[in-house]
Structure formats: C-alpha cells, structure tokens
Amino acid sequence: MILSALAALTFIFSPQHEEENAKEASLISELAGKGVHLNMQEGWIELSATICQRSDPLEYLIINLPRGKDHEALFACEGVDAQSLNTAMLLLGVEAGSNGKFEELEKPPSREDLEAGKPAHRVIPASGDGFYIQASWQVKNSVGEMETHFYRAEDLVLNLRDQRAYHRGKFIYLGSRFIKPHRDAREMFAADAEGNYVSLCYFVPANHLLTGNDPNADDQYLWYPNIYLLPDLGHPVRLFFSRQPLSAPPPSE
C-alpha cells in the first residue's frame, strides 16, 4: 500500500506529469482566448451570450455573430470560435451522434392527407452522445437585489402548437464539417463560416455542432422563445454545456 502511494506521488510530481499539466493549462488558456471556457475537472464549457429573440420564431438555440441567423436564434454569442468550441467538446470525451433523418413513406400521402395534417415523410430522430445546455443570468428584484436565474435551455423554448416546452434531453453532438464554397476556395469549418452552432430543428447537411431531438424537430414553424421566463433583449447570459445536468450555475471566475 505504502509503495503504491509513493509510486503515485512520484508520478504526480514527475517532470512528465508536470509537462502534461502545463500543456493542458496552456490549451485551456488558448480556448478561453477564443471565448470558450473549459472546466475539464467538472466536465462543462461556458460561453458568454445575450438574449437574441423574445418573440420571433426560432430555428436555432445558439448562434455566433455576425454570421449566424440572429433573427431565428434565442442566444447570440460574439467572438466564440466554433473550432475551439468543438475542440473543448472533444476534450470532454463526446462522441459523434446521428443527425435527424427524413425517409419517404412507402405510400406517398394524398393531397387530402397533407391538408389534413398527415406527415409527408417519416422522421428518424437524432440520437447519440451530446451535451446538456443550461442558461443563467442575473436581474434585480423588486428591492434592488440581484437574483440569479438558472434554467435548462429546453425550458426556454416553447412549442406554441402543442403548448409545451422543448423536449428535455441532451443536444446531440454532430461536430459540423469542413466545406469548400467553390473549387478554388480554401477549406473552412462550416460552423465558423455560417455562425450557427446549436439547432432546435433538423438541418441537412449538418453544418452546426449540436442539434436538439424533440419529436417535432422536423417542423421549423413551431418554436418560440418562452417570454414568461426570459429577461430583456440583449441581456447578458452565461451558457453551460455539460456532460451531466447541472443543478446550479458554477461560480463566476
């Protein structure tokens, strides 16, 4: 037992271990410079954002300005590098999942069926590994004291047709992809090029990093901000991507 403990201590204070710790600290510092704050020990990533929409329909949960679809997103980030965010996700051990898919029905629906609201295709939900997303912000209460609000991201998005919040669960990791806009263009990371990071609806091809997998994620016309919980437009928000659900926002550094 004592020999094992001594061996462990020798490893902890070995030059190799110190070098690995220094490399990890350097990488975490580099990611922070790109707007991505990674906590390896506790398994979460923090981004700074603002409230982007309070009344218009939503297709995306999180985008990055100036390229992202801010007119269709709940949260907007600025200066958050998509490749750095992807790197942080991979460092937390996430594995690629499957995007939502659309399959043709064996018997195509008639015009009458479509008008009656029957589906035109079969939806295979997105599945696999991913992250829970939480949002936190502070507002002054009636006596002037600062109050912290903390919610699962899904609770901040409403399906107005069915009068319910977005399905609770992990947002599925897709990892974006590299694209070339044309033959002579340099290759670029699609999420950086488009600025759309987390979707509420299914989009093919998957140029974003994460997708939700609500049973109605194939419908782009259902989703709206939950104005009953959200602060004002432009209000600062802390966003957390975590491997397990968080019960409270981590302390500010």
Protein backbone atom coordinates (compact mmCIF):
# COMPACT_ATOMS: atom_id res chain seq x y z
CA MET A 1 0.00 0.00 0.00
CA ILE A 2 2.77 2.47 1.02
CA LEU A 3 4.82 1.58 -2.06
CA SER A 4 1.77 2.15 -4.28
CA ALA A 5 1.16 5.54 -2.67
CA LEU A 6 4.81 6.51 -3.12
CA ALA A 7 4.65 5.45 -6.76
CA ALA A 8 1.53 7.58 -7.27
CA LEU A 9 3.19 10.59 -5.64
CA THR A 10 6.27 10.09 -7.80
CA PHE A 11 4.03 10.13 -10.90
CA ILE A 12 2.14 13.22 -9.74
CA PHE A 13 5.35 15.18 -9.24
CA SER A 14 7.23 13.69 -12.20
CA PRO A 15 8.52 16.05 -14.90
CA GLN A 16 6.36 14.27 -17.48
CA HIS A 17 3.21 14.82 -15.42
CA GLU A 18 4.11 18.47 -14.84
CA GLU A 19 4.66 18.89 -18.58
CA GLU A 20 1.23 17.37 -19.33
CA ASN A 21 -0.41 19.69 -16.78
CA ALA A 22 1.35 22.66 -18.33
CA LYS A 23 0.15 21.67 -21.82
CA GLU A 24 -3.43 21.28 -20.56
CA ALA A 25 -3.32 24.66 -18.81
CA SER A 26 -1.91 26.27 -21.95
CA LEU A 27 -4.66 24.76 -24.11
CA ILE A 28 -7.40 25.82 -21.69
CA SER A 29 -5.98 29.35 -21.70
CA GLU A 30 -5.87 29.35 -25.51
CA LEU A 31 -9.52 28.21 -25.69
CA ALA A 32 -10.53 30.94 -23.24
CA GLY A 33 -8.95 33.47 -25.59
CA LYS A 34 -11.36 32.20 -28.25
CA GLY A 35 -14.39 32.69 -26.00
CA VAL A 36 -14.59 29.06 -24.83
CA HIS A 37 -14.13 28.46 -21.09
CA LEU A 38 -13.46 24.78 -20.38
CA ASN A 39 -13.52 23.08 -16.97
CA MET A 40 -12.02 19.63 -17.52
CA GLN A 41 -12.41 18.50 -13.90
CA GLU A 42 -16.13 19.23 -13.64
CA GLY A 43 -16.99 18.47 -17.25
CA TRP A 44 -18.51 21.69 -18.54
CA ILE A 45 -17.95 24.50 -21.02
CA GLU A 46 -19.08 28.10 -20.51
CA LEU A 47 -19.88 30.70 -23.18
CA SER A 48 -20.98 34.30 -22.83
CA ALA A 49 -24.09 35.26 -24.78
CA THR A 50 -27.04 37.64 -24.91
CA ILE A 51 -30.77 37.22 -25.44
CA CYS A 52 -31.25 37.47 -29.19
CA GLN A 53 -35.00 36.97 -29.69
CA ARG A 54 -38.08 37.18 -27.49
CA SER A 55 -40.98 36.97 -29.95
CA ASP A 56 -39.92 35.71 -33.39
CA PRO A 57 -39.95 32.01 -34.39
CA LEU A 58 -36.78 30.04 -33.65
CA GLU A 59 -34.72 27.58 -35.66
CA TYR A 60 -31.52 27.82 -33.63
CA LEU A 61 -30.76 27.87 -29.94
CA ILE A 62 -27.26 29.39 -30.17
CA ILE A 63 -25.54 31.33 -32.95
CA ASN A 64 -22.39 33.43 -33.22
CA LEU A 65 -22.44 36.96 -34.58
CA PRO A 66 -22.12 38.41 -37.12
CA ARG A 67 -22.72 35.41 -39.41
CA GLY A 68 -25.30 33.38 -37.51
CA LYS A 69 -29.05 33.64 -38.10
CA ASP A 70 -29.74 36.07 -35.28
CA HIS A 71 -33.33 36.64 -36.46
CA GLU A 72 -34.06 32.95 -35.76
CA ALA A 73 -31.99 32.27 -32.62
CA LEU A 74 -32.59 32.54 -28.89
CA PHE A 75 -28.99 33.22 -27.81
CA ALA A 76 -26.26 35.12 -29.64
CA CYS A 77 -22.55 34.89 -28.89
CA GLU A 78 -19.78 37.12 -30.19
CA GLY A 79 -16.16 36.13 -30.60
CA VAL A 80 -16.77 32.44 -29.87
CA ASP A 81 -14.68 30.37 -32.27
CA ALA A 82 -16.53 27.25 -33.47
CA GLN A 83 -13.41 25.11 -33.91
CA SER A 84 -12.33 25.98 -30.38
CA LEU A 85 -15.77 25.07 -29.05
CA ASN A 86 -15.58 21.81 -30.98
CA THR A 87 -12.14 21.12 -29.51
CA ALA A 88 -13.44 21.68 -25.98
CA MET A 89 -16.33 19.29 -26.61
CA LEU A 90 -13.97 16.60 -27.88
CA LEU A 91 -11.68 17.08 -24.87
CA LEU A 92 -14.68 16.26 -22.65
CA GLY A 93 -14.96 12.92 -24.43
CA VAL A 94 -18.05 13.45 -26.58
CA GLU A 95 -18.62 11.08 -29.49
CA ALA A 96 -20.42 11.87 -32.73
CA GLY A 97 -24.12 11.11 -32.83
CA SER A 98 -26.54 10.84 -35.75
CA ASN A 99 -28.47 13.74 -37.23
CA GLY A 100 -32.22 13.58 -37.71
CA LYS A 101 -33.21 11.94 -40.99
CA PHE A 102 -36.20 12.04 -43.30
CA GLU A 103 -37.42 8.91 -45.06
CA GLU A 104 -40.06 8.73 -47.75
CA LEU A 105 -43.21 6.84 -46.88
CA GLU A 106 -43.91 3.63 -48.78
CA LYS A 107 -47.22 5.14 -49.85
CA PRO A 108 -46.95 8.88 -50.56
CA PRO A 109 -49.71 10.85 -48.82
CA SER A 110 -52.51 12.26 -50.93
CA ARG A 111 -53.22 15.96 -51.17
CA GLU A 112 -56.17 15.42 -48.85
CA ASP A 113 -53.90 13.68 -46.32
CA LEU A 114 -51.44 16.57 -46.38
CA GLU A 115 -54.21 19.12 -45.97
CA ALA A 116 -55.45 17.09 -43.01
CA GLY A 117 -52.04 17.40 -41.37
CA LYS A 118 -50.72 13.90 -42.01
CA PRO A 119 -46.91 13.62 -42.35
CA ALA A 120 -45.27 13.74 -45.76
CA HIS A 121 -42.32 11.64 -44.57
CA ARG A 122 -41.07 9.55 -41.69
CA VAL A 123 -38.71 11.21 -39.24
CA ILE A 124 -35.84 9.30 -37.64
CA PRO A 125 -34.84 11.38 -34.58
CA ALA A 126 -31.28 12.49 -33.94
CA SER A 127 -29.59 10.17 -31.45
CA GLY A 128 -26.34 9.54 -29.65
CA ASP A 129 -23.96 11.40 -27.36
CA GLY A 130 -24.07 15.09 -26.61
CA PHE A 131 -24.38 17.83 -24.00
CA TYR A 132 -26.96 19.27 -21.66
CA ILE A 133 -27.31 23.03 -22.09
CA GLN A 134 -28.19 25.41 -19.28
CA ALA A 135 -28.56 29.19 -19.13
CA SER A 136 -28.02 31.56 -16.22
CA TRP A 137 -28.44 35.31 -15.77
CA GLN A 138 -28.93 37.90 -13.06
CA VAL A 139 -31.68 40.51 -12.70
CA LYS A 140 -32.60 42.97 -9.96
CA ASN A 141 -35.64 42.05 -7.89
CA SER A 142 -38.25 44.45 -6.53
CA VAL A 143 -36.00 45.54 -3.65
CA GLY A 144 -32.96 46.13 -5.84
CA GLU A 145 -31.10 42.92 -5.01
CA MET A 146 -29.51 40.79 -7.72
CA GLU A 147 -31.23 37.44 -8.26
CA THR A 148 -29.74 34.54 -10.21
CA HIS A 149 -31.98 32.68 -12.66
CA PHE A 150 -30.92 29.25 -13.90
CA TYR A 151 -32.78 27.11 -16.45
CA ARG A 152 -32.40 24.16 -18.72
CA ALA A 153 -32.26 25.59 -22.24
CA GLU A 154 -35.20 23.44 -23.34
CA ASP A 155 -37.48 25.17 -20.83
CA LEU A 156 -36.81 28.49 -22.57
CA VAL A 157 -38.24 27.29 -25.90
CA LEU A 158 -41.97 26.72 -26.45
CA ASN A 159 -43.93 24.66 -28.96
CA LEU A 160 -46.87 27.02 -29.43
CA ARG A 161 -48.98 24.48 -31.30
CA ASP A 162 -48.84 21.88 -28.54
CA GLN A 163 -48.44 24.38 -25.67
CA ARG A 164 -45.37 22.72 -24.20
CA ALA A 165 -41.64 23.28 -23.74
CA TYR A 166 -38.99 21.71 -25.94
CA HIS A 167 -38.24 18.04 -25.21
CA ARG A 168 -35.70 17.69 -22.38
CA GLY A 169 -32.55 15.77 -23.19
CA LYS A 170 -29.03 16.04 -24.47
CA PHE A 171 -28.37 18.12 -27.54
CA ILE A 172 -26.82 15.64 -29.94
CA TYR A 173 -23.21 16.21 -30.99
CA LEU A 174 -22.74 16.37 -34.78
CA GLY A 175 -19.40 18.17 -34.90
CA SER A 176 -20.08 20.24 -38.04
CA ARG A 177 -17.81 19.54 -41.04
CA PHE A 178 -15.25 21.13 -43.34
CA ILE A 179 -16.52 22.67 -46.57
CA LYS A 180 -15.21 24.41 -49.70
CA PRO A 181 -17.63 27.03 -51.06
CA HIS A 182 -16.11 26.52 -54.52
CA ARG A 183 -13.23 24.68 -56.13
CA ASP A 184 -10.64 27.42 -55.67
CA ALA A 185 -11.68 28.40 -52.14
CA ARG A 186 -9.78 27.35 -49.06
CA GLU A 187 -11.39 24.72 -46.86
CA MET A 188 -13.25 26.13 -43.87
CA PHE A 189 -15.10 24.85 -40.81
CA ALA A 190 -18.80 25.11 -41.66
CA ALA A 191 -19.97 26.19 -38.20
CA ASP A 192 -17.48 29.07 -38.26
CA ALA A 193 -18.43 30.00 -41.83
CA GLU A 194 -22.18 30.06 -41.11
CA GLY A 195 -22.16 31.02 -37.43
CA ASN A 196 -24.93 28.59 -36.45
CA TYR A 197 -23.83 26.42 -33.52
CA VAL A 198 -26.84 24.68 -31.92
CA SER A 199 -30.09 23.96 -33.79
CA LEU A 200 -33.58 23.29 -32.50
CA CYS A 201 -34.70 21.86 -35.84
CA TYR A 202 -33.19 19.29 -38.18
CA PHE A 203 -30.99 20.62 -40.96
CA VAL A 204 -29.22 18.57 -43.61
CA PRO A 205 -26.30 18.71 -44.13
CA ALA A 206 -25.21 19.18 -40.52
CA ASN A 207 -23.05 22.29 -40.63
CA HIS A 208 -23.75 23.05 -36.95
CA LEU A 209 -22.19 21.47 -33.85
CA LEU A 210 -25.25 20.24 -31.93
CA THR A 211 -28.89 19.52 -32.68
CA GLY A 212 -31.92 19.08 -30.49
CA ASN A 213 -34.05 15.98 -30.97
CA ASP A 214 -37.57 16.99 -29.99
CA PRO A 215 -40.24 14.71 -31.55
CA ASN A 216 -41.29 17.74 -33.63
CA ALA A 217 -37.79 18.91 -34.55
CA ASP A 218 -38.63 18.37 -38.23
CA ASP A 219 -41.03 21.33 -38.09
CA GLN A 220 -39.40 24.77 -38.27
CA TYR A 221 -42.57 26.73 -37.55
CA LEU A 222 -43.42 25.63 -34.00
CA TRP A 223 -40.69 27.06 -31.80
CA TYR A 224 -40.82 30.38 -29.96
CA PRO A 225 -38.98 32.00 -27.02
CA ASN A 226 -40.54 31.42 -23.61
CA ILE A 227 -41.12 35.10 -22.82
CA TYR A 228 -42.53 34.17 -19.40
CA LEU A 229 -39.04 33.20 -18.21
CA LEU A 230 -36.64 35.24 -20.34
CA PRO A 231 -35.04 38.60 -19.50
CA ASP A 232 -34.99 41.54 -21.91
CA LEU A 233 -33.42 41.54 -25.36
CA GLY A 234 -29.66 41.95 -25.17
CA HIS A 235 -29.48 40.82 -21.54
CA PRO A 236 -26.17 39.03 -20.77
CA VAL A 237 -26.39 35.28 -20.24
CA ARG A 238 -23.97 32.54 -19.20
CA LEU A 239 -24.40 29.34 -21.21
CA PHE A 240 -23.16 25.98 -19.95
CA PHE A 241 -22.62 22.80 -21.97
CA SER A 242 -22.24 19.89 -19.55
CA ARG A 243 -21.84 16.14 -19.73
CA GLN A 244 -24.34 15.77 -16.88
CA PRO A 245 -27.15 18.17 -15.95
CA LEU A 246 -26.03 20.97 -13.62
CA SER A 247 -28.12 21.76 -10.54
CA ALA A 248 -26.80 25.33 -10.25
CA PRO A 249 -24.58 27.68 -12.23
CA PRO A 250 -20.86 27.32 -11.44
CA PRO A 251 -19.37 30.34 -9.64
CA SER A 252 -18.10 33.13 -11.88
CA GLU A 253 -14.32 33.20 -12.16
